[in-house]
Amino acid sequence: MLSGDFVFDISLLQTILFALFAIMTLFQGRLFTMSSMFAFISSFFRKSKM
């Protein structure tokens, strides 16, 4: 009985975390402007080339 409840709690937690991740991914384009994302990506590529 206990192990079944534990597995159910973990699957519920994973579902909630996945939903939060999906919502954050969907709204990421609206939260950040394209210029800031471009600046971040270009600085990341500059660091990786060195």
C-alpha atoms as a PDB file:
ATOM      1  CA  MET A   1       0.000   0.000   0.000  1.00  0.00           C
ATOM      2  CA  LEU A   2       2.735   2.446   0.993  1.00  0.00           C
ATOM      3  CA  SER A   3       4.886   1.804  -2.071  1.00  0.00           C
ATOM      4  CA  GLY A   4       1.905   2.401  -4.371  1.00  0.00           C
ATOM      5  CA  ASP A   5       1.133   5.722  -2.699  1.00  0.00           C
ATOM      6  CA  PHE A   6       4.803   6.723  -2.954  1.00  0.00           C
ATOM      7  CA  VAL A   7       4.906   5.974  -6.687  1.00  0.00           C
ATOM      8  CA  PHE A   8       1.660   7.913  -7.191  1.00  0.00           C
ATOM      9  CA  ASP A   9       3.095  10.919  -5.320  1.00  0.00           C
ATOM     10  CA  ILE A  10       6.234  10.881  -7.484  1.00  0.00           C
ATOM     11  CA  SER A  11       4.236  10.650 -10.724  1.00  0.00           C
ATOM     12  CA  LEU A  12       2.009  13.522  -9.570  1.00  0.00           C
ATOM     13  CA  LEU A  13       5.095  15.612  -8.785  1.00  0.00           C
ATOM     14  CA  GLN A  14       6.593  14.823 -12.190  1.00  0.00           C
ATOM     15  CA  THR A  15       3.339  15.845 -13.882  1.00  0.00           C
ATOM     16  CA  ILE A  16       3.283  19.173 -12.041  1.00  0.00           C
ATOM     17  CA  LEU A  17       6.949  19.871 -12.827  1.00  0.00           C
ATOM     18  CA  PHE A  18       6.445  19.012 -16.497  1.00  0.00           C
ATOM     19  CA  ALA A  19       3.407  21.304 -16.694  1.00  0.00           C
ATOM     20  CA  LEU A  20       5.406  24.170 -15.162  1.00  0.00           C
ATOM     21  CA  PHE A  21       8.270  23.530 -17.592  1.00  0.00           C
ATOM     22  CA  ALA A  22       5.899  23.461 -20.569  1.00  0.00           C
ATOM     23  CA  ILE A  23       4.227  26.718 -19.512  1.00  0.00           C
ATOM     24  CA  MET A  24       7.603  28.419 -18.982  1.00  0.00           C
ATOM     25  CA  THR A  25       8.763  27.236 -22.409  1.00  0.00           C
ATOM     26  CA  LEU A  26       5.602  28.497 -24.116  1.00  0.00           C
ATOM     27  CA  PHE A  27       5.770  31.941 -22.526  1.00  0.00           C
ATOM     28  CA  GLN A  28       9.544  32.352 -22.822  1.00  0.00           C
ATOM     29  CA  GLY A  29       9.242  34.268 -26.106  1.00  0.00           C
ATOM     30  CA  ARG A  30       6.883  36.761 -24.522  1.00  0.00           C
ATOM     31  CA  LEU A  31       8.920  37.278 -21.359  1.00  0.00           C
ATOM     32  CA  PHE A  32      12.216  37.990 -23.122  1.00  0.00           C
ATOM     33  CA  THR A  33      12.662  40.307 -26.071  1.00  0.00           C
ATOM     34  CA  MET A  34      14.358  39.028 -29.198  1.00  0.00           C
ATOM     35  CA  SER A  35      17.264  41.447 -28.806  1.00  0.00           C
ATOM     36  CA  SER A  36      18.163  40.164 -25.345  1.00  0.00           C
ATOM     37  CA  MET A  37      17.910  36.561 -26.549  1.00  0.00           C
ATOM     38  CA  PHE A  38      20.129  37.353 -29.533  1.00  0.00           C
ATOM     39  CA  ALA A  39      22.676  39.040 -27.253  1.00  0.00           C
ATOM     40  CA  PHE A  40      22.685  36.028 -24.938  1.00  0.00           C
ATOM     41  CA  ILE A  41      23.092  33.540 -27.797  1.00  0.00           C
ATOM     42  CA  SER A  42      25.861  35.548 -29.460  1.00  0.00           C
ATOM     43  CA  SER A  43      27.772  35.916 -26.183  1.00  0.00           C
ATOM     44  CA  PHE A  44      27.386  32.166 -25.594  1.00  0.00           C
ATOM     45  CA  PHE A  45      28.854  31.352 -29.018  1.00  0.00           C
ATOM     46  CA  ARG A  46      31.717  33.787 -28.431  1.00  0.00           C
ATOM     47  CA  LYS A  47      32.584  32.001 -25.179  1.00  0.00           C
ATOM     48  CA  SER A  48      32.377  28.546 -26.759  1.00  0.00           C
ATOM     49  CA  LYS A  49      34.764  29.483 -29.602  1.00  0.00           C
ATOM     50  CA  MET A  50      37.541  30.501 -27.210  1.00  0.00           C
END
